[in-house]
Amino acid sequence: MKQKQTAILSSAVNGATINTQEAGFLPGMQVVVDLYAPVGAFSGTVKSQTSVDGSTWVDAGTPWVTTAGGLNSQVITLAQFFRIVTTAYASGSVQGRILSDIGG
């Protein structure tokens, strides 16, 4: 399974932007996005976003709200760029990854 992990976020900031094609994924490809607290708990809201140009972002999937760790997996359709964004941040850190059943 192909996997691309994004940077860990520790505050209410935009995550690192991933060029999905450079990461080995294709725009238009359906993938699973995992949003999770890698260590301990995360308190806030996180959502994944896609963009065709790297400047105009569209929410992909539904926002994930948590106050005690956990994992949220959603199927989304990728565009050229991908990122995760935290809002209503209170504490902890959150991480996201893109998973595909296309080998590589």
N, C-alpha and C. Protein backbone atom coordinates (compact mmCIF):
# COMPACT_ATOMS: atom_id res chain seq x y z
N MET A 1 0.84 -1.17 0.00
CA MET A 1 0.00 0.00 0.00
C MET A 1 0.89 1.24 0.00
N LYS A 2 0.62 2.15 -0.90
CA LYS A 2 1.35 3.41 -0.96
C LYS A 2 0.87 4.33 0.16
N GLN A 3 1.79 5.03 0.80
CA GLN A 3 1.43 5.90 1.91
C GLN A 3 2.25 7.17 1.83
N LYS A 4 1.62 8.30 2.07
CA LYS A 4 2.32 9.58 2.19
C LYS A 4 1.87 10.23 3.48
N GLN A 5 2.80 10.49 4.36
CA GLN A 5 2.47 11.06 5.66
C GLN A 5 2.76 12.55 5.64
N THR A 6 1.85 13.34 6.20
CA THR A 6 2.06 14.78 6.24
C THR A 6 2.78 15.18 7.52
N ALA A 7 3.14 16.42 7.61
CA ALA A 7 3.84 16.92 8.79
C ALA A 7 2.91 16.96 9.99
N ILE A 8 3.47 16.76 11.17
CA ILE A 8 2.70 16.87 12.40
C ILE A 8 2.40 18.34 12.66
N LEU A 9 1.17 18.62 13.05
CA LEU A 9 0.76 19.97 13.40
C LEU A 9 0.65 20.07 14.91
N SER A 10 1.04 21.20 15.47
CA SER A 10 0.92 21.35 16.92
C SER A 10 0.21 22.65 17.29
N SER A 11 -0.36 23.33 16.32
CA SER A 11 -1.12 24.55 16.60
C SER A 11 -2.13 24.74 15.48
N ALA A 12 -2.92 25.76 15.57
CA ALA A 12 -3.96 26.00 14.57
C ALA A 12 -3.36 26.66 13.33
N VAL A 13 -2.59 25.88 12.60
CA VAL A 13 -1.95 26.38 11.39
C VAL A 13 -2.24 25.41 10.25
N ASN A 14 -2.00 25.86 9.03
CA ASN A 14 -2.16 24.98 7.89
C ASN A 14 -1.02 23.98 7.86
N GLY A 15 -1.33 22.76 7.49
CA GLY A 15 -0.31 21.73 7.37
C GLY A 15 0.52 21.95 6.12
N ALA A 16 1.59 21.20 6.02
CA ALA A 16 2.44 21.27 4.84
C ALA A 16 1.64 20.86 3.61
N THR A 17 1.82 21.60 2.54
CA THR A 17 1.15 21.27 1.29
C THR A 17 1.93 20.15 0.60
N ILE A 18 1.22 19.14 0.14
CA ILE A 18 1.83 18.03 -0.58
C ILE A 18 1.43 18.13 -2.04
N ASN A 19 2.42 18.11 -2.93
CA ASN A 19 2.13 17.98 -4.36
C ASN A 19 1.87 16.50 -4.58
N THR A 20 0.62 16.13 -4.78
CA THR A 20 0.25 14.72 -4.80
C THR A 20 0.93 13.96 -5.94
N GLN A 21 1.12 14.60 -7.06
CA GLN A 21 1.77 13.92 -8.18
C GLN A 21 3.23 13.63 -7.88
N GLU A 22 3.94 14.59 -7.29
CA GLU A 22 5.33 14.36 -6.91
C GLU A 22 5.44 13.29 -5.85
N ALA A 23 4.39 13.11 -5.02
CA ALA A 23 4.39 12.09 -3.98
C ALA A 23 4.00 10.72 -4.53
N GLY A 24 3.69 10.64 -5.82
CA GLY A 24 3.37 9.36 -6.44
C GLY A 24 1.89 9.05 -6.55
N PHE A 25 1.05 10.02 -6.25
CA PHE A 25 -0.39 9.86 -6.40
C PHE A 25 -0.85 10.66 -7.62
N LEU A 26 -1.99 10.31 -8.15
CA LEU A 26 -2.50 11.00 -9.33
C LEU A 26 -3.72 11.84 -8.98
N PRO A 27 -3.80 13.07 -9.49
CA PRO A 27 -5.01 13.86 -9.30
C PRO A 27 -6.21 13.08 -9.84
N GLY A 28 -7.32 13.13 -9.13
CA GLY A 28 -8.51 12.39 -9.51
C GLY A 28 -8.59 11.01 -8.89
N MET A 29 -7.50 10.57 -8.27
CA MET A 29 -7.44 9.25 -7.64
C MET A 29 -8.21 9.27 -6.31
N GLN A 30 -8.99 8.23 -6.06
CA GLN A 30 -9.65 8.11 -4.76
C GLN A 30 -8.69 7.43 -3.79
N VAL A 31 -8.55 8.04 -2.62
CA VAL A 31 -7.62 7.55 -1.60
C VAL A 31 -8.31 7.59 -0.24
N VAL A 32 -7.70 6.94 0.73
CA VAL A 32 -8.14 7.03 2.12
C VAL A 32 -7.24 8.05 2.81
N VAL A 33 -7.85 8.96 3.54
CA VAL A 33 -7.10 9.93 4.35
C VAL A 33 -7.37 9.59 5.81
N ASP A 34 -6.30 9.34 6.56
CA ASP A 34 -6.39 9.12 8.00
C ASP A 34 -6.01 10.41 8.71
N LEU A 35 -6.82 10.85 9.64
CA LEU A 35 -6.51 11.98 10.50
C LEU A 35 -6.47 11.42 11.92
N TYR A 36 -5.36 11.64 12.64
CA TYR A 36 -5.21 11.01 13.94
C TYR A 36 -4.26 11.78 14.83
N ALA A 37 -4.35 11.51 16.12
CA ALA A 37 -3.44 12.08 17.11
C ALA A 37 -2.30 11.09 17.29
N PRO A 38 -1.07 11.41 16.84
CA PRO A 38 0.03 10.45 16.89
C PRO A 38 0.52 10.14 18.30
N VAL A 39 0.45 11.11 19.20
CA VAL A 39 0.90 10.91 20.57
C VAL A 39 -0.12 11.59 21.48
N GLY A 40 -0.72 10.83 22.38
CA GLY A 40 -1.67 11.42 23.31
C GLY A 40 -2.95 11.87 22.64
N ALA A 41 -3.52 12.94 23.13
CA ALA A 41 -4.81 13.42 22.66
C ALA A 41 -4.65 14.74 21.91
N PHE A 42 -5.57 14.98 21.02
CA PHE A 42 -5.68 16.24 20.29
C PHE A 42 -7.03 16.84 20.62
N SER A 43 -7.07 18.11 20.91
CA SER A 43 -8.34 18.77 21.18
C SER A 43 -8.51 19.89 20.16
N GLY A 44 -9.45 19.72 19.27
CA GLY A 44 -9.70 20.71 18.24
C GLY A 44 -10.45 20.10 17.08
N THR A 45 -10.39 20.77 15.95
CA THR A 45 -11.03 20.31 14.72
C THR A 45 -9.98 20.27 13.62
N VAL A 46 -9.99 19.23 12.82
CA VAL A 46 -9.06 19.12 11.70
C VAL A 46 -9.83 18.70 10.46
N LYS A 47 -9.40 19.19 9.31
CA LYS A 47 -10.03 18.80 8.05
C LYS A 47 -8.97 18.69 6.97
N SER A 48 -9.27 17.87 5.98
CA SER A 48 -8.37 17.76 4.83
C SER A 48 -8.89 18.66 3.72
N GLN A 49 -7.96 19.17 2.92
CA GLN A 49 -8.32 20.05 1.82
C GLN A 49 -7.52 19.68 0.58
N THR A 50 -8.11 19.94 -0.60
CA THR A 50 -7.42 19.73 -1.87
C THR A 50 -7.46 21.01 -2.68
N SER A 51 -6.54 21.10 -3.63
CA SER A 51 -6.45 22.29 -4.48
C SER A 51 -5.90 21.90 -5.84
N VAL A 52 -6.40 22.52 -6.89
CA VAL A 52 -5.86 22.27 -8.22
C VAL A 52 -4.67 23.18 -8.53
N ASP A 53 -4.55 24.31 -7.80
CA ASP A 53 -3.49 25.27 -8.10
C ASP A 53 -2.59 25.62 -6.92
N GLY A 54 -2.87 25.08 -5.73
CA GLY A 54 -2.05 25.36 -4.56
C GLY A 54 -2.40 26.65 -3.86
N SER A 55 -3.42 27.37 -4.33
CA SER A 55 -3.80 28.61 -3.65
C SER A 55 -5.28 28.68 -3.30
N THR A 56 -6.14 28.05 -4.07
CA THR A 56 -7.56 27.98 -3.76
C THR A 56 -7.87 26.59 -3.23
N TRP A 57 -8.32 26.51 -1.97
CA TRP A 57 -8.49 25.22 -1.29
C TRP A 57 -9.96 24.88 -1.10
N VAL A 58 -10.29 23.59 -1.23
CA VAL A 58 -11.65 23.07 -1.07
C VAL A 58 -11.60 21.97 -0.02
N ASP A 59 -12.56 22.00 0.92
CA ASP A 59 -12.63 20.94 1.93
C ASP A 59 -12.91 19.60 1.26
N ALA A 60 -12.23 18.57 1.72
CA ALA A 60 -12.43 17.20 1.22
C ALA A 60 -12.82 16.33 2.42
N GLY A 61 -13.92 15.64 2.32
CA GLY A 61 -14.39 14.86 3.46
C GLY A 61 -15.07 15.77 4.47
N THR A 62 -15.25 15.26 5.66
CA THR A 62 -15.90 16.04 6.71
C THR A 62 -14.90 16.39 7.80
N PRO A 63 -15.07 17.55 8.45
CA PRO A 63 -14.15 17.91 9.53
C PRO A 63 -14.19 16.87 10.65
N TRP A 64 -13.06 16.67 11.30
CA TRP A 64 -12.93 15.72 12.40
C TRP A 64 -12.76 16.51 13.68
N VAL A 65 -13.67 16.31 14.62
CA VAL A 65 -13.63 16.99 15.91
C VAL A 65 -13.30 15.97 16.98
N THR A 66 -12.33 16.29 17.83
CA THR A 66 -11.98 15.34 18.88
C THR A 66 -11.47 16.06 20.12
N THR A 67 -11.63 15.42 21.23
CA THR A 67 -11.05 15.92 22.48
C THR A 67 -10.27 14.83 23.19
N ALA A 68 -10.13 13.66 22.55
CA ALA A 68 -9.42 12.56 23.22
C ALA A 68 -8.82 11.58 22.23
N GLY A 69 -7.90 12.03 21.42
CA GLY A 69 -7.24 11.13 20.47
C GLY A 69 -8.21 10.55 19.48
N GLY A 70 -7.91 9.37 18.96
CA GLY A 70 -8.81 8.71 18.02
C GLY A 70 -8.29 8.77 16.60
N LEU A 71 -9.05 8.14 15.72
CA LEU A 71 -8.68 8.04 14.31
C LEU A 71 -9.92 8.28 13.47
N ASN A 72 -9.77 9.06 12.42
CA ASN A 72 -10.86 9.28 11.48
C ASN A 72 -10.33 8.96 10.09
N SER A 73 -10.95 8.02 9.41
CA SER A 73 -10.57 7.67 8.04
C SER A 73 -11.70 8.05 7.10
N GLN A 74 -11.34 8.68 6.00
CA GLN A 74 -12.32 9.11 5.01
C GLN A 74 -11.77 8.84 3.62
N VAL A 75 -12.67 8.54 2.70
CA VAL A 75 -12.29 8.40 1.30
C VAL A 75 -12.51 9.75 0.62
N ILE A 76 -11.48 10.26 -0.05
CA ILE A 76 -11.60 11.51 -0.78
C ILE A 76 -11.02 11.34 -2.19
N THR A 77 -11.31 12.28 -3.04
CA THR A 77 -10.71 12.33 -4.38
C THR A 77 -9.63 13.40 -4.36
N LEU A 78 -8.42 13.02 -4.73
CA LEU A 78 -7.29 13.96 -4.70
C LEU A 78 -7.34 14.95 -5.85
N ALA A 79 -6.80 16.12 -5.60
CA ALA A 79 -6.49 17.09 -6.64
C ALA A 79 -4.97 17.15 -6.72
N GLN A 80 -4.42 18.15 -7.38
CA GLN A 80 -2.97 18.26 -7.54
C GLN A 80 -2.26 18.48 -6.20
N PHE A 81 -2.93 19.16 -5.25
CA PHE A 81 -2.31 19.47 -3.96
C PHE A 81 -3.23 19.02 -2.83
N PHE A 82 -2.63 18.70 -1.67
CA PHE A 82 -3.35 18.22 -0.50
C PHE A 82 -2.73 18.82 0.76
N ARG A 83 -3.55 19.11 1.76
CA ARG A 83 -3.06 19.54 3.07
C ARG A 83 -4.12 19.23 4.11
N ILE A 84 -3.72 19.28 5.40
CA ILE A 84 -4.68 19.24 6.48
C ILE A 84 -4.59 20.56 7.23
N VAL A 85 -5.71 20.98 7.80
CA VAL A 85 -5.81 22.27 8.48
C VAL A 85 -6.47 22.05 9.83
N THR A 86 -5.93 22.66 10.89
CA THR A 86 -6.59 22.60 12.18
C THR A 86 -7.31 23.91 12.44
N THR A 87 -8.45 23.80 13.11
CA THR A 87 -9.21 24.98 13.54
C THR A 87 -9.68 24.70 14.96
N ALA A 88 -10.10 25.69 15.66
CA ALA A 88 -10.58 25.53 17.03
C ALA A 88 -9.57 24.74 17.86
N TYR A 89 -8.30 25.01 17.66
CA TYR A 89 -7.22 24.28 18.33
C TYR A 89 -7.22 24.57 19.82
N ALA A 90 -7.06 23.52 20.64
CA ALA A 90 -6.94 23.69 22.08
C ALA A 90 -5.62 23.10 22.60
N SER A 91 -5.30 21.84 22.19
CA SER A 91 -4.06 21.23 22.69
C SER A 91 -3.73 19.98 21.88
N GLY A 92 -2.50 19.49 22.07
CA GLY A 92 -2.06 18.26 21.43
C GLY A 92 -1.57 18.50 20.01
N SER A 93 -1.42 17.42 19.27
CA SER A 93 -1.01 17.52 17.87
C SER A 93 -1.83 16.54 17.06
N VAL A 94 -1.88 16.77 15.77
CA VAL A 94 -2.65 15.94 14.87
C VAL A 94 -1.82 15.68 13.63
N GLN A 95 -2.05 14.56 13.01
CA GLN A 95 -1.29 14.18 11.82
C GLN A 95 -2.25 13.59 10.81
N GLY A 96 -1.88 13.67 9.57
CA GLY A 96 -2.69 13.07 8.52
C GLY A 96 -1.82 12.28 7.57
N ARG A 97 -2.41 11.32 6.88
CA ARG A 97 -1.67 10.58 5.87
C ARG A 97 -2.63 10.18 4.76
N ILE A 98 -2.08 10.02 3.59
CA ILE A 98 -2.82 9.58 2.42
C ILE A 98 -2.44 8.13 2.16
N LEU A 99 -3.43 7.27 1.98
CA LEU A 99 -3.20 5.86 1.72
C LEU A 99 -3.87 5.46 0.42
N SER A 100 -3.18 4.63 -0.36
CA SER A 100 -3.74 4.13 -1.61
C SER A 100 -3.39 2.66 -1.76
N ASP A 101 -4.24 1.92 -2.43
CA ASP A 101 -3.93 0.50 -2.66
C ASP A 101 -3.10 0.30 -3.92
N ILE A 102 -2.66 1.40 -4.53
CA ILE A 102 -1.76 1.32 -5.68
C ILE A 102 -0.36 1.15 -5.15
N GLY A 103 0.33 0.07 -5.50
CA GLY A 103 1.68 -0.20 -4.99
C GLY A 103 2.69 0.84 -5.43
N GLY A 104 3.78 0.92 -4.70
CA GLY A 104 4.81 1.85 -5.12
C GLY A 104 5.78 2.15 -4.03
